[in-house]
Amino acid sequence: MTLNLDHLREILIPHREKHLLLACSGGLDSTVLAHVFGILELNFSLIHVNYKLRGLDSDLDQEHVEQLANQLGVECHVLVEDISNTDQNIQLTARKLRYTFFKKIQESTPNSILCTAHHLDDQIETFFINLLRGTGVKGLSGISESDELIRPLLNYDKKQIHQYALANELKWREDVSNQKATYLRNKIRLELLPVLAQIEENYRSNFSQNFEHFKRDSSIVEMHRAQILSVVMTEKNEIKKYDIQKIEALTPFETLLDLIFRPEGFSHLQDLKQLLKAEGGKFIENDQKDQRLLKSGHSLYQLSNQTKPDLFDINSLFSITEVTEEEVSYTDNSCIYVDQEMLKGDFNLQPLSALHYFYPLGMTKKKKVSKFLKDIGIQGPLKLYIPLLFDGDELLWVVPFRMDHRSRITSKTKNILKIECLEKDFWELFSS
């Protein structure tokens, strides 16, 4: 049995009007899917990343993909990036590079959707990887798709794809590293799956049915998780805030604690329980090391480990207007009133530095900003997310908590400026 073109055409009908961006390594699977797209006369192009990991073979992979695109009469997007000398995990580095490039091409291609050639055997391998590493129902339900990413071959196994390639006399590139049991996925493919085939000849079709069952179960779990998150979590500008008191009131506690955080990569339940009871400033990292969960006050904050916060544009964050003394009101901490004569007018935002200090309103002595934030319950990396509004090189406002005493209005003030922060709902994240 080989690939069913009528079935694949039916799968792809909802995406008929889109431009399909096919990730193509040059191997059997992606070469076959590229040929299928050509036969079905779809609007598509190929995307390839050359990591320079296999010397000349990497360059020959790239050449094959470019020739394939030329034969099919489609565009080929190529990124060449040497990661052979990285001191990071090779697989994670390659994956991050790959999907960053894919996203860039997708954003620059109108009405496009990403496609990969993952198939049933890949799903089964992923099942065992997740099972061995520890996972929930979602991790057992196979490789996922989304509105941004489709995988048309998920219902077909490697043998069917190979038969299609032979029947159509296709040429493809072989990655010899796939035959080495170095990585966990290769070990499962080369050592575990052949044993399964001896025990149950039809294990692939059985797994295919199981994946459908798991996906249905997973959708129910996800619905319940969404309901819980709507109660215990708020999110704004790349920050997720979890209410500790509401989490601790959940029952069954451990089950729902795991349900909340495991999909975010925080899979160690004991670490989560300890963090809930820890002092402010303590944090844990997720399994991928790209997110951290920080305790501050009565909340947990989920923050990115990968990039420094760059959440605001000064022009969209603030409005500045002249007001009269009668219009001054101190009931709203989303705005401050300053003496215009005390200002240079060179407003700018700066990231927190250990050297930053100011004179908090009501105080005549200076104080380090980091110490001020710690004293009001903003701890650890969370401090980096607090906008600091400067006037030239003088700190004017630790937004929205305290302005500088030196710029306050007094009885001698002639002209008053009202500086209002427009991201009012953002500050709710920092209230305990």
Protein backbone atom coordinates (compact mmCIF):
# COMPACT_ATOMS: atom_id res chain seq x y z
CA MET A 1 0.00 0.00 0.00
CA THR A 2 1.29 3.46 -0.91
CA LEU A 3 0.09 7.04 -0.46
CA ASN A 4 -3.51 7.80 -1.40
CA LEU A 5 -3.51 11.01 -3.46
CA ASP A 6 -7.28 11.39 -3.22
CA HIS A 7 -7.07 11.22 0.55
CA LEU A 8 -4.22 13.74 0.64
CA ARG A 9 -6.13 16.06 -1.71
CA GLU A 10 -9.09 15.91 0.67
CA ILE A 11 -6.84 16.71 3.66
CA LEU A 12 -5.39 19.72 1.85
CA ILE A 13 -8.69 21.14 0.52
CA PRO A 14 -9.08 23.56 3.48
CA HIS A 15 -5.64 25.00 2.60
CA ARG A 16 -6.17 25.14 -1.16
CA GLU A 17 -6.10 28.94 -1.24
CA LYS A 18 -3.01 29.21 0.95
CA HIS A 19 0.66 29.26 0.04
CA LEU A 20 2.19 26.11 1.54
CA LEU A 21 5.72 26.49 2.94
CA LEU A 22 7.17 22.97 2.97
CA ALA A 23 10.12 22.32 5.29
CA CYS A 24 12.39 20.18 3.14
CA SER A 25 15.55 18.49 4.42
CA GLY A 26 16.09 16.64 1.15
CA GLY A 27 15.37 13.29 2.79
CA LEU A 28 12.81 10.72 1.72
CA ASP A 29 9.77 12.11 3.55
CA SER A 30 9.99 15.77 2.54
CA THR A 31 11.05 14.90 -1.02
CA VAL A 32 7.95 12.72 -1.38
CA LEU A 33 5.66 15.40 0.07
CA ALA A 34 7.13 17.99 -2.31
CA HIS A 35 6.37 15.64 -5.23
CA VAL A 36 2.79 15.13 -3.93
CA PHE A 37 2.28 18.90 -3.76
CA GLY A 38 3.48 19.16 -7.34
CA ILE A 39 1.13 16.40 -8.53
CA LEU A 40 -1.80 18.09 -6.76
CA GLU A 41 -0.81 21.42 -8.38
CA LEU A 42 -0.71 23.26 -5.08
CA ASN A 43 0.73 26.72 -4.49
CA PHE A 44 3.88 26.03 -2.47
CA SER A 45 7.59 26.66 -1.96
CA LEU A 46 10.40 24.82 -0.18
CA ILE A 47 12.33 25.88 2.93
CA HIS A 48 15.71 24.39 3.79
CA VAL A 49 18.28 24.97 6.55
CA ASN A 50 21.91 23.94 6.08
CA TYR A 51 23.45 23.60 9.55
CA LYS A 52 26.91 22.62 8.20
CA LEU A 53 26.92 19.66 10.58
CA ARG A 54 27.92 17.02 8.03
CA GLY A 55 30.46 18.84 5.88
CA LEU A 56 30.07 18.14 2.18
CA ASP A 57 26.94 16.05 2.78
CA SER A 58 25.16 19.12 4.22
CA ASP A 59 25.99 21.08 1.07
CA LEU A 60 24.78 18.20 -1.11
CA ASP A 61 21.49 18.15 0.84
CA GLN A 62 21.05 21.84 0.08
CA GLU A 63 21.91 21.30 -3.59
CA HIS A 64 19.34 18.49 -3.83
CA VAL A 65 16.58 20.67 -2.35
CA GLU A 66 17.42 23.55 -4.69
CA GLN A 67 17.38 21.20 -7.70
CA LEU A 68 14.08 19.70 -6.52
CA ALA A 69 12.53 23.17 -6.26
CA ASN A 70 13.81 23.97 -9.77
CA GLN A 71 12.32 20.76 -11.16
CA LEU A 72 8.96 21.53 -9.55
CA GLY A 73 9.08 25.16 -10.66
CA VAL A 74 8.75 26.58 -7.15
CA GLU A 75 10.73 29.00 -4.99
CA CYS A 76 13.31 27.71 -2.52
CA HIS A 77 14.16 29.57 0.70
CA VAL A 78 17.56 28.57 2.13
CA LEU A 79 19.34 29.48 5.35
CA VAL A 80 23.00 28.52 5.81
CA GLU A 81 24.12 28.65 9.44
CA ASP A 82 27.13 26.77 10.81
CA ILE A 83 26.27 25.40 14.27
CA SER A 84 28.92 22.68 14.29
CA ASN A 85 30.95 24.45 16.97
CA THR A 86 28.11 25.40 19.31
CA ASP A 87 28.53 24.57 23.00
CA GLN A 88 24.75 24.17 23.32
CA ASN A 89 22.63 21.07 22.70
CA ILE A 90 22.89 20.49 18.94
CA GLN A 91 19.32 19.27 18.48
CA LEU A 92 17.77 22.12 20.47
CA THR A 93 19.98 24.69 18.74
CA ALA A 94 19.03 23.34 15.30
CA ARG A 95 15.33 23.26 16.18
CA LYS A 96 15.34 26.84 17.47
CA LEU A 97 17.23 28.07 14.41
CA ARG A 98 14.95 26.15 12.07
CA TYR A 99 11.66 27.39 13.45
CA THR A 100 12.91 30.97 13.81
CA PHE A 101 13.76 30.91 10.10
CA PHE A 102 10.45 29.27 9.23
CA LYS A 103 8.57 31.94 11.15
CA LYS A 104 10.48 34.70 9.36
CA ILE A 105 9.60 33.27 5.94
CA GLN A 106 6.00 32.69 6.99
CA GLU A 107 5.61 36.29 8.17
CA SER A 108 6.99 37.59 4.87
CA THR A 109 4.76 35.32 2.74
CA PRO A 110 1.11 36.45 2.64
CA ASN A 111 -1.60 33.87 3.38
CA SER A 112 0.94 31.11 4.06
CA ILE A 113 1.00 28.04 6.28
CA LEU A 114 3.94 25.87 7.30
CA CYS A 115 4.03 22.18 6.35
CA THR A 116 6.27 19.37 7.55
CA ALA A 117 6.56 15.76 6.39
CA HIS A 118 6.23 14.07 9.78
CA HIS A 119 4.53 10.68 9.47
CA LEU A 120 3.06 7.87 11.59
CA ASP A 121 6.44 6.37 12.51
CA ASP A 122 7.55 9.80 13.76
CA GLN A 123 4.41 9.95 15.89
CA ILE A 124 5.12 6.57 17.44
CA GLU A 125 8.73 7.54 18.19
CA THR A 126 7.53 10.77 19.79
CA PHE A 127 5.04 8.79 21.89
CA PHE A 128 7.85 6.72 23.43
CA ILE A 129 10.14 9.73 23.88
CA ASN A 130 7.43 11.57 25.83
CA LEU A 131 6.52 8.42 27.76
CA LEU A 132 10.12 7.84 28.84
CA ARG A 133 10.63 11.48 29.83
CA GLY A 134 7.33 11.77 31.66
CA THR A 135 4.23 13.29 30.12
CA GLY A 136 0.48 13.73 30.32
CA VAL A 137 -2.30 12.74 27.95
CA LYS A 138 -1.38 15.49 25.49
CA GLY A 139 2.17 14.17 25.18
CA LEU A 140 0.85 10.72 24.33
CA SER A 141 -1.52 11.95 21.61
CA GLY A 142 1.13 12.24 18.90
CA ILE A 143 2.56 15.16 16.99
CA SER A 144 0.24 18.14 16.97
CA GLU A 145 -0.97 20.43 14.21
CA SER A 146 -2.30 23.98 14.41
CA ASP A 147 -3.70 26.85 12.35
CA GLU A 148 -0.08 27.76 11.54
CA LEU A 149 1.30 24.27 10.90
CA ILE A 150 0.00 21.18 9.09
CA ARG A 151 1.45 17.69 8.70
CA PRO A 152 -0.37 15.90 5.84
CA LEU A 153 1.49 12.56 6.19
CA LEU A 154 0.67 11.80 9.83
CA ASN A 155 -1.61 8.89 8.87
CA TYR A 156 1.01 7.23 6.64
CA ASP A 157 3.97 5.11 7.75
CA LYS A 158 7.53 5.09 6.45
CA LYS A 159 6.99 2.00 4.32
CA GLN A 160 4.10 3.62 2.41
CA ILE A 161 6.17 6.75 1.79
CA HIS A 162 9.10 4.65 0.55
CA GLN A 163 6.85 2.69 -1.81
CA TYR A 164 5.55 5.96 -3.28
CA ALA A 165 9.11 7.19 -3.85
CA LEU A 166 10.10 3.97 -5.63
CA ALA A 167 6.94 3.92 -7.76
CA ASN A 168 7.63 7.48 -8.92
CA GLU A 169 11.39 6.94 -9.31
CA LEU A 170 12.22 9.76 -6.92
CA LYS A 171 15.72 10.52 -5.66
CA TRP A 172 16.40 11.68 -2.14
CA ARG A 173 19.26 12.24 0.28
CA GLU A 174 20.12 9.79 3.06
CA ASP A 175 21.36 11.12 6.40
CA VAL A 176 23.72 8.41 7.65
CA SER A 177 23.47 9.78 11.20
CA ASN A 178 19.91 8.45 11.31
CA GLN A 179 21.38 4.94 11.33
CA LYS A 180 23.40 5.58 14.49
CA ALA A 181 21.77 4.90 17.85
CA THR A 182 23.25 8.09 19.33
CA TYR A 183 20.06 10.00 20.11
CA LEU A 184 17.02 8.68 21.94
CA ARG A 185 14.80 8.94 18.84
CA ASN A 186 17.26 6.86 16.81
CA LYS A 187 17.49 4.25 19.57
CA ILE A 188 13.71 3.89 19.59
CA ARG A 189 13.58 3.64 15.79
CA LEU A 190 16.45 1.20 15.42
CA GLU A 191 16.10 -0.94 18.54
CA LEU A 192 12.61 -0.70 20.05
CA LEU A 193 10.26 -0.56 17.06
CA PRO A 194 11.66 -3.72 15.40
CA VAL A 195 10.88 -5.60 18.64
CA LEU A 196 7.33 -4.20 18.62
CA ALA A 197 6.90 -5.43 15.05
CA GLN A 198 7.84 -8.95 16.16
CA ILE A 199 5.31 -8.84 19.01
CA GLU A 200 2.45 -7.23 17.05
CA GLU A 201 2.69 -6.95 13.28
CA ASN A 202 -0.08 -4.33 13.08
CA TYR A 203 1.24 -2.13 15.89
CA ARG A 204 1.30 0.94 13.63
CA SER A 205 -2.42 0.86 12.85
CA ASN A 206 -3.18 0.21 16.53
CA PHE A 207 -1.10 3.23 17.49
CA SER A 208 -2.90 5.32 14.89
CA GLN A 209 -6.23 4.49 16.55
CA ASN A 210 -4.79 5.17 20.00
CA PHE A 211 -3.59 8.61 18.90
CA GLU A 212 -7.15 9.51 17.92
CA HIS A 213 -8.41 8.37 21.35
CA PHE A 214 -5.68 10.33 23.14
CA LYS A 215 -6.41 13.47 21.11
CA ARG A 216 -10.07 13.35 22.11
CA ASP A 217 -9.16 12.81 25.76
CA SER A 218 -6.57 15.58 25.53
CA SER A 219 -9.11 18.05 24.16
CA ILE A 220 -11.33 17.44 27.20
CA VAL A 221 -8.37 17.95 29.55
CA GLU A 222 -7.39 21.14 27.71
CA MET A 223 -10.91 22.53 28.07
CA HIS A 224 -10.77 21.90 31.83
CA ARG A 225 -7.29 23.45 32.03
CA ALA A 226 -8.49 26.57 30.21
CA GLN A 227 -11.29 26.95 32.75
CA ILE A 228 -8.83 26.68 35.65
CA LEU A 229 -6.39 29.15 34.07
CA SER A 230 -9.18 31.69 33.64
CA VAL A 231 -9.47 31.68 37.44
CA VAL A 232 -5.85 31.47 38.61
CA MET A 233 -3.86 33.22 35.85
CA THR A 234 -3.65 36.62 34.20
CA GLU A 235 -1.39 37.41 31.25
CA LYS A 236 -0.01 40.59 29.76
CA ASN A 237 3.02 41.47 27.65
CA GLU A 238 4.71 38.05 27.73
CA ILE A 239 4.23 37.69 31.51
CA LYS A 240 1.95 35.10 33.11
CA LYS A 241 0.92 35.69 36.71
CA TYR A 242 -0.53 32.88 38.85
CA ASP A 243 -2.44 33.53 42.07
CA ILE A 244 -0.91 31.24 44.72
CA GLN A 245 -3.90 31.38 47.07
CA LYS A 246 -6.30 30.32 44.31
CA ILE A 247 -3.97 27.52 43.21
CA GLU A 248 -3.68 26.16 46.75
CA ALA A 249 -7.48 26.10 47.00
CA LEU A 250 -7.78 23.74 44.01
CA THR A 251 -8.78 20.13 44.57
CA PRO A 252 -7.43 17.57 43.86
CA PHE A 253 -4.47 19.88 44.47
CA GLU A 254 -1.50 17.93 43.09
CA THR A 255 -3.37 16.77 40.00
CA LEU A 256 -4.46 20.28 39.04
CA LEU A 257 -1.11 21.84 39.95
CA ASP A 258 0.51 19.44 37.51
CA LEU A 259 -2.20 20.15 34.92
CA ILE A 260 -1.51 23.89 35.10
CA PHE A 261 2.27 23.82 34.80
CA ARG A 262 3.29 20.63 32.97
CA PRO A 263 2.22 22.00 29.54
CA GLU A 264 4.50 24.99 30.25
CA GLY A 265 7.45 22.62 30.73
CA PHE A 266 7.44 22.59 34.55
CA SER A 267 7.09 18.86 35.05
CA HIS A 268 8.62 18.36 38.52
CA LEU A 269 5.72 18.44 40.92
CA GLN A 270 7.83 18.50 44.09
CA ASP A 271 9.73 21.58 42.87
CA LEU A 272 6.43 23.34 42.18
CA LYS A 273 5.10 22.54 45.66
CA GLN A 274 8.29 23.82 47.27
CA LEU A 275 8.18 27.03 45.22
CA LEU A 276 4.66 27.80 46.44
CA LYS A 277 6.00 27.80 50.03
CA ALA A 278 9.35 29.45 49.27
CA GLU A 279 10.35 33.00 50.12
CA GLY A 280 10.08 35.74 47.52
CA GLY A 281 12.75 35.83 44.84
CA LYS A 282 13.08 32.04 44.52
CA PHE A 283 12.48 30.51 41.09
CA ILE A 284 12.65 27.27 39.10
CA GLU A 285 13.32 26.71 35.41
CA ASN A 286 11.27 24.59 33.03
CA ASP A 287 12.60 21.46 31.33
CA GLN A 288 13.59 23.38 28.20
CA LYS A 289 15.46 26.02 30.26
CA ASP A 290 13.73 28.81 28.32
CA GLN A 291 11.20 29.82 30.99
CA ARG A 292 11.41 30.47 34.70
CA LEU A 293 8.72 30.50 37.37
CA LEU A 294 9.46 33.19 39.97
CA LYS A 295 7.81 33.69 43.33
CA SER A 296 7.14 37.32 44.24
CA GLY A 297 4.65 38.33 46.91
CA HIS A 298 1.60 36.09 46.76
CA SER A 299 2.06 35.23 43.09
CA LEU A 300 4.12 33.14 40.70
CA TYR A 301 5.38 34.88 37.56
CA GLN A 302 6.30 32.97 34.43
CA LEU A 303 9.04 34.82 32.55
CA SER A 304 11.18 34.15 29.50
CA ASN A 305 14.81 33.16 30.02
CA GLN A 306 15.76 33.82 26.43
CA THR A 307 15.35 37.55 25.87
CA LYS A 308 15.65 40.70 27.90
CA PRO A 309 12.29 42.41 28.38
CA ASP A 310 11.55 44.98 25.69
CA LEU A 311 7.86 45.33 26.24
CA PHE A 312 7.11 48.98 25.65
CA ASP A 313 7.44 51.76 23.15
CA ILE A 314 7.63 55.11 24.90
CA ASN A 315 5.31 56.80 22.40
CA SER A 316 2.52 54.28 22.97
CA LEU A 317 3.11 53.86 26.71
CA PHE A 318 2.65 57.45 27.86
CA SER A 319 0.54 60.52 27.16
CA ILE A 320 1.85 63.92 28.29
CA THR A 321 -0.47 66.91 28.71
CA GLU A 322 -0.42 70.30 30.42
CA VAL A 323 -3.00 70.62 33.22
CA THR A 324 -4.11 73.23 35.72
CA GLU A 325 -3.76 72.91 39.48
CA GLU A 326 -7.51 72.25 39.72
CA GLU A 327 -7.17 69.18 37.45
CA VAL A 328 -4.57 67.49 39.63
CA SER A 329 -5.87 64.27 41.24
CA TYR A 330 -3.88 61.74 43.25
CA THR A 331 -6.47 58.96 43.22
CA ASP A 332 -4.93 57.11 40.26
CA ASN A 333 -1.38 55.72 40.34
CA SER A 334 -1.33 55.39 36.55
CA CYS A 335 -0.29 59.03 36.28
CA ILE A 336 2.07 61.52 37.90
CA TYR A 337 2.16 65.33 38.00
CA VAL A 338 5.51 67.05 37.57
CA ASP A 339 6.91 70.56 37.55
CA GLN A 340 7.61 71.36 33.91
CA GLU A 341 10.34 73.83 34.86
CA MET A 342 12.30 71.01 36.50
CA LEU A 343 12.41 68.92 33.33
CA LYS A 344 14.71 68.75 30.32
CA GLY A 345 11.97 67.18 28.19
CA ASP A 346 14.19 64.35 26.92
CA PHE A 347 11.94 61.46 27.94
CA ASN A 348 13.32 57.93 27.48
CA LEU A 349 12.94 54.39 28.82
CA GLN A 350 15.93 52.52 30.22
CA PRO A 351 16.41 48.95 31.48
CA LEU A 352 17.15 48.51 35.17
CA SER A 353 20.78 48.80 36.19
CA ALA A 354 22.40 48.11 39.54
CA LEU A 355 23.63 51.70 39.46
CA HIS A 356 20.18 53.29 39.10
CA TYR A 357 18.94 55.31 42.05
CA PHE A 358 16.30 57.98 42.67
CA TYR A 359 14.68 60.02 45.43
CA PRO A 360 11.32 58.33 46.06
CA LEU A 361 8.45 60.82 46.46
CA GLY A 362 8.26 61.90 50.09
CA MET A 363 11.91 61.10 50.78
CA THR A 364 14.93 63.43 50.75
CA LYS A 365 17.51 60.64 50.60
CA LYS A 366 18.33 58.67 47.49
CA LYS A 367 17.63 54.97 47.20
CA LYS A 368 18.72 52.29 44.75
CA VAL A 369 15.87 51.33 42.42
CA SER A 370 16.57 47.60 42.87
CA LYS A 371 16.29 47.98 46.65
CA PHE A 372 13.10 50.03 46.33
CA LEU A 373 11.50 47.37 44.12
CA LYS A 374 12.52 44.57 46.48
CA ASP A 375 11.00 46.47 49.41
CA ILE A 376 7.62 46.71 47.66
CA GLY A 377 7.65 43.01 46.71
CA ILE A 378 9.04 43.10 43.16
CA GLN A 379 11.82 40.54 43.30
CA GLY A 380 14.37 38.73 41.18
CA PRO A 381 14.18 38.96 37.37
CA LEU A 382 10.71 40.49 37.65
CA LYS A 383 12.43 43.83 38.32
CA LEU A 384 13.60 43.90 34.71
CA TYR A 385 9.99 44.17 33.53
CA ILE A 386 9.32 47.44 35.38
CA PRO A 387 9.56 50.44 33.00
CA LEU A 388 11.86 53.21 34.20
CA LEU A 389 10.99 56.61 32.75
CA PHE A 390 13.95 58.97 32.54
CA ASP A 391 14.19 62.66 31.78
CA GLY A 392 17.60 62.81 30.15
CA ASP A 393 19.82 60.85 32.53
CA GLU A 394 17.67 61.52 35.62
CA LEU A 395 15.17 58.88 36.72
CA LEU A 396 11.71 60.47 36.77
CA TRP A 397 9.32 57.58 37.49
CA VAL A 398 9.54 53.95 38.53
CA VAL A 399 6.36 53.14 36.69
CA PRO A 400 3.76 52.95 38.20
CA PHE A 401 5.01 52.80 41.77
CA ARG A 402 6.81 56.02 42.66
CA MET A 403 8.00 59.20 40.97
CA ASP A 404 11.14 61.11 41.89
CA HIS A 405 10.72 63.60 44.76
CA ARG A 406 12.74 66.30 42.98
CA SER A 407 10.24 66.66 40.11
CA ARG A 408 7.14 66.99 42.28
CA ILE A 409 4.86 69.99 42.02
CA THR A 410 5.08 72.56 44.82
CA SER A 411 3.46 75.85 45.74
CA LYS A 412 6.02 77.53 43.50
CA THR A 413 5.16 75.44 40.43
CA LYS A 414 3.89 77.50 37.50
CA ASN A 415 3.38 74.86 34.81
CA ILE A 416 2.18 71.32 35.54
CA LEU A 417 2.63 68.31 33.27
CA LYS A 418 0.49 65.22 33.65
CA ILE A 419 2.30 62.05 32.52
CA GLU A 420 -0.16 59.19 32.20
CA CYS A 421 0.68 55.56 31.63
CA LEU A 422 -1.68 54.04 29.07
CA GLU A 423 -0.96 50.37 29.90
CA LYS A 424 -3.11 50.44 33.04
CA ASP A 425 -4.07 46.76 32.99
CA PHE A 426 -0.37 45.80 32.93
CA TRP A 427 0.08 47.03 36.51
CA GLU A 428 -2.46 44.56 37.80
CA LEU A 429 0.19 41.91 37.23
CA PHE A 430 2.32 43.44 39.98
CA SER A 431 -0.33 43.80 42.64
CA SER A 432 -0.28 40.98 45.17
